[in-house]
Amino acid sequence: TYSGAGLSGTGSSKTTKTLSANTYTISVTATDSRGLKNVATKTYVVDDYFEPICSLSSYRSDSNGIPDPYGTDVRLKIDWNISNPANANKNAKKYTLYYKRTVDPTWKTYKIEDFPSYSGKMENYKIDAEFIAAYEYVFKLVIKDTFSEITATSTVPITTMVLNLEKDGLAIGKKYERGRLDIEGVAYISNGELRFSHSP
């Protein structure tokens, strides 16, 4: 028979319901056919935990970090908050940052490392690469702790253009990237079909 942490009844095993942060003492009593008993007791500490929280934003800038829609530098702003149960500093706090042109099929890994703390902000985080003003780029931040994984993305747009004519097609309001008619926003025409791009 079981007692403690909401357990009761008999059986070879039991599972508690989700427990709030607290200290719980669980006792198990074994009884044989002659009525002889023995009791085993153990105390468990349940700590608070929440899945990682983060936000990611990006913008073009000049070499000094001043926002510039025609800039070839890119700056990021990252906010994060990762659970640190019992303040034991045992939960993982690793992040991986990827980037690519929106139309590229594969991501480039920019950095893999641990956050310096369980919560914080990175302002004006400079990506050491050239980002051509005529192309759109997307960034992906993946945060992994010991128990969970979350992803945030942010897109840096193309600089504004009225028309862009290339040998493979025409773009309206942006630099040409795909299809025969590439329209600023989410629509483009390829092989005679109107298509819509989706978030990465």
Protein backbone atom coordinates (compact mmCIF):
# COMPACT_ATOMS: atom_id res chain seq x y z
CA THR A 1 0.00 0.00 0.00
CA TYR A 2 1.09 3.57 -0.72
CA SER A 3 0.71 6.91 1.03
CA GLY A 4 2.03 10.41 0.46
CA ALA A 5 2.16 12.73 -2.60
CA GLY A 6 -1.48 11.89 -3.33
CA LEU A 7 -0.81 8.14 -3.67
CA SER A 8 -3.10 5.48 -2.24
CA GLY A 9 -4.18 1.90 -2.84
CA THR A 10 -2.14 -1.17 -3.61
CA GLY A 11 -0.15 -2.50 -6.55
CA SER A 12 3.34 -3.24 -7.78
CA SER A 13 3.83 0.38 -8.93
CA LYS A 14 2.19 3.79 -8.72
CA THR A 15 2.57 7.13 -10.51
CA THR A 16 1.80 10.47 -8.93
CA LYS A 17 -0.13 13.23 -10.61
CA THR A 18 1.83 16.34 -11.60
CA LEU A 19 3.23 17.72 -8.36
CA SER A 20 3.78 21.36 -7.49
CA ALA A 21 7.11 22.45 -6.06
CA ASN A 22 7.32 21.08 -2.52
CA THR A 23 8.84 18.34 -0.37
CA TYR A 24 6.97 15.03 -0.36
CA THR A 25 7.35 11.95 1.83
CA ILE A 26 6.15 8.69 0.31
CA SER A 27 5.70 5.49 2.28
CA VAL A 28 5.25 1.97 0.91
CA THR A 29 4.03 -0.81 3.17
CA ALA A 30 4.60 -4.45 2.23
CA THR A 31 2.41 -7.09 3.86
CA ASP A 32 2.84 -10.85 3.50
CA SER A 33 0.22 -13.60 3.76
CA ARG A 34 0.78 -13.89 7.52
CA GLY A 35 0.09 -10.22 8.11
CA LEU A 36 3.69 -9.31 8.79
CA LYS A 37 4.58 -5.82 7.56
CA ASN A 38 7.53 -3.63 6.76
CA VAL A 39 7.54 0.04 5.73
CA ALA A 40 9.94 1.90 3.44
CA THR A 41 9.85 5.70 3.46
CA LYS A 42 11.62 8.19 1.22
CA THR A 43 11.49 11.98 0.87
CA TYR A 44 11.48 13.69 -2.54
CA VAL A 45 11.99 17.36 -3.37
CA VAL A 46 10.09 18.65 -6.41
CA ASP A 47 11.49 21.90 -7.87
CA ASP A 48 9.81 24.43 -10.14
CA TYR A 49 10.49 24.09 -13.87
CA PHE A 50 9.30 25.90 -16.98
CA GLU A 51 10.19 25.49 -20.63
CA PRO A 52 12.70 28.01 -22.02
CA ILE A 53 11.32 31.37 -23.13
CA CYS A 54 13.00 33.49 -25.78
CA SER A 55 12.48 36.18 -28.39
CA LEU A 56 14.60 37.00 -31.44
CA SER A 57 14.53 40.15 -33.58
CA SER A 58 16.89 41.37 -36.29
CA TYR A 59 17.60 44.48 -38.34
CA ARG A 60 20.02 45.80 -40.91
CA SER A 61 22.57 48.36 -39.73
CA ASP A 62 25.63 50.29 -40.78
CA SER A 63 29.06 49.29 -39.48
CA ASN A 64 28.42 51.25 -36.26
CA GLY A 65 25.24 49.35 -35.45
CA ILE A 66 22.92 52.22 -36.36
CA PRO A 67 19.75 50.87 -38.02
CA ASP A 68 19.98 51.27 -41.80
CA PRO A 69 17.57 49.49 -44.18
CA TYR A 70 20.32 49.49 -46.84
CA GLY A 71 23.05 48.24 -44.51
CA THR A 72 25.09 45.10 -45.09
CA ASP A 73 25.58 44.46 -41.36
CA VAL A 74 22.92 42.61 -39.37
CA ARG A 75 22.27 43.01 -35.65
CA LEU A 76 20.18 40.75 -33.45
CA LYS A 77 18.37 41.22 -30.17
CA ILE A 78 17.96 38.09 -28.08
CA ASP A 79 15.99 37.77 -24.83
CA TRP A 80 15.96 34.48 -22.94
CA ASN A 81 14.76 32.94 -19.71
CA ILE A 82 15.67 29.35 -18.79
CA SER A 83 14.57 27.49 -15.68
CA ASN A 84 17.18 26.94 -12.97
CA PRO A 85 15.54 24.44 -10.60
CA ALA A 86 16.59 24.90 -6.97
CA ASN A 87 19.20 27.42 -8.19
CA ALA A 88 21.46 24.39 -8.60
CA ASN A 89 22.93 25.53 -11.95
CA LYS A 90 22.50 22.00 -13.32
CA ASN A 91 19.97 22.65 -16.10
CA ALA A 92 21.55 23.01 -19.55
CA LYS A 93 21.34 26.43 -21.27
CA LYS A 94 22.76 25.84 -24.73
CA TYR A 95 21.83 27.80 -27.83
CA THR A 96 22.53 27.38 -31.54
CA LEU A 97 22.22 30.26 -33.99
CA TYR A 98 21.62 29.60 -37.70
CA TYR A 99 21.14 31.86 -40.71
CA LYS A 100 20.55 31.61 -44.44
CA ARG A 101 19.06 33.40 -47.41
CA THR A 102 15.33 32.84 -47.32
CA VAL A 103 15.41 30.95 -50.62
CA ASP A 104 18.31 28.67 -49.63
CA PRO A 105 17.39 25.09 -48.69
CA THR A 106 19.95 24.64 -45.91
CA TRP A 107 20.93 26.57 -42.80
CA LYS A 108 24.41 27.80 -41.98
CA THR A 109 25.44 27.26 -38.38
CA TYR A 110 26.80 30.49 -36.95
CA LYS A 111 27.40 29.67 -33.30
CA ILE A 112 26.86 26.91 -30.74
CA GLU A 113 27.53 27.77 -27.10
CA ASP A 114 26.04 28.20 -23.64
CA PHE A 115 24.26 31.33 -22.55
CA PRO A 116 26.26 33.19 -19.90
CA SER A 117 23.31 33.04 -17.47
CA TYR A 118 19.83 31.53 -17.13
CA SER A 119 18.15 34.78 -18.15
CA GLY A 120 19.30 37.92 -19.90
CA LYS A 121 19.44 40.01 -23.04
CA MET A 122 21.87 40.46 -25.89
CA GLU A 123 21.46 43.85 -27.56
CA ASN A 124 23.05 44.76 -30.91
CA TYR A 125 24.43 41.23 -31.34
CA LYS A 126 26.54 41.55 -34.51
CA ILE A 127 26.70 38.70 -37.00
CA ASP A 128 30.16 38.60 -38.56
CA ALA A 129 29.12 38.03 -42.16
CA GLU A 130 28.13 40.19 -45.12
CA PHE A 131 24.43 40.44 -45.82
CA ILE A 132 23.80 41.76 -49.31
CA ALA A 133 21.18 44.48 -49.25
CA ALA A 134 19.38 42.95 -52.23
CA TYR A 135 18.72 39.61 -50.49
CA GLU A 136 16.37 38.56 -47.72
CA TYR A 137 17.84 36.55 -44.83
CA VAL A 138 16.32 34.56 -42.01
CA PHE A 139 17.80 33.73 -38.60
CA LYS A 140 16.91 30.82 -36.36
CA LEU A 141 17.71 30.49 -32.66
CA VAL A 142 17.38 27.05 -31.05
CA ILE A 143 17.55 26.84 -27.25
CA LYS A 144 17.99 23.49 -25.52
CA ASP A 145 17.90 22.86 -21.81
CA THR A 146 18.03 19.43 -20.20
CA PHE A 147 14.33 18.78 -20.77
CA SER A 148 13.05 20.92 -23.65
CA GLU A 149 13.88 22.63 -26.93
CA ILE A 150 12.36 25.80 -28.43
CA THR A 151 12.95 27.75 -31.64
CA ALA A 152 12.58 31.42 -32.56
CA THR A 153 13.07 32.98 -36.02
CA SER A 154 13.47 36.47 -37.43
CA THR A 155 13.70 37.77 -41.01
CA VAL A 156 15.79 40.63 -42.36
CA PRO A 157 14.05 42.02 -45.46
CA ILE A 158 15.40 43.05 -48.81
CA THR A 159 15.92 46.76 -49.37
CA THR A 160 13.05 48.49 -51.13
CA MET A 161 13.01 48.44 -54.94
CA VAL A 162 10.23 49.44 -57.34
CA LEU A 163 11.14 46.97 -60.09
CA ASN A 164 13.98 44.55 -60.66
CA LEU A 165 14.31 42.84 -64.03
CA GLU A 166 16.60 39.84 -64.28
CA LYS A 167 17.04 37.29 -67.06
CA ASP A 168 14.96 34.70 -65.17
CA GLY A 169 12.11 36.94 -64.06
CA LEU A 170 10.68 40.21 -62.83
CA ALA A 171 10.39 41.40 -59.22
CA ILE A 172 7.98 44.08 -58.00
CA GLY A 173 8.84 46.01 -54.84
CA LYS A 174 11.93 43.89 -54.13
CA LYS A 175 15.05 42.28 -55.57
CA TYR A 176 14.29 39.31 -57.86
CA GLU A 177 14.89 35.93 -56.20
CA ARG A 178 12.52 33.26 -57.55
CA GLY A 179 9.84 32.32 -60.07
CA ARG A 180 8.96 34.36 -63.14
CA LEU A 181 7.15 37.10 -61.21
CA ASP A 182 8.39 37.72 -57.66
CA ILE A 183 6.19 40.11 -55.68
CA GLU A 184 7.11 41.72 -52.40
CA GLY A 185 5.38 39.83 -49.58
CA VAL A 186 4.62 36.11 -49.78
CA ALA A 187 3.50 35.58 -53.39
CA TYR A 188 5.41 34.64 -56.52
CA ILE A 189 4.61 32.97 -59.85
CA SER A 190 6.52 29.88 -60.97
CA ASN A 191 5.69 27.58 -63.90
CA GLY A 192 2.46 29.48 -64.45
CA GLU A 193 1.23 28.88 -60.89
CA LEU A 194 0.68 31.41 -58.13
CA ARG A 195 2.60 30.23 -55.09
CA PHE A 196 2.94 31.44 -51.55
CA SER A 197 6.08 31.18 -49.48
CA HIS A 198 5.84 30.07 -45.88
CA SER A 199 7.74 30.88 -42.76
CA PRO A 200 10.97 28.85 -42.49
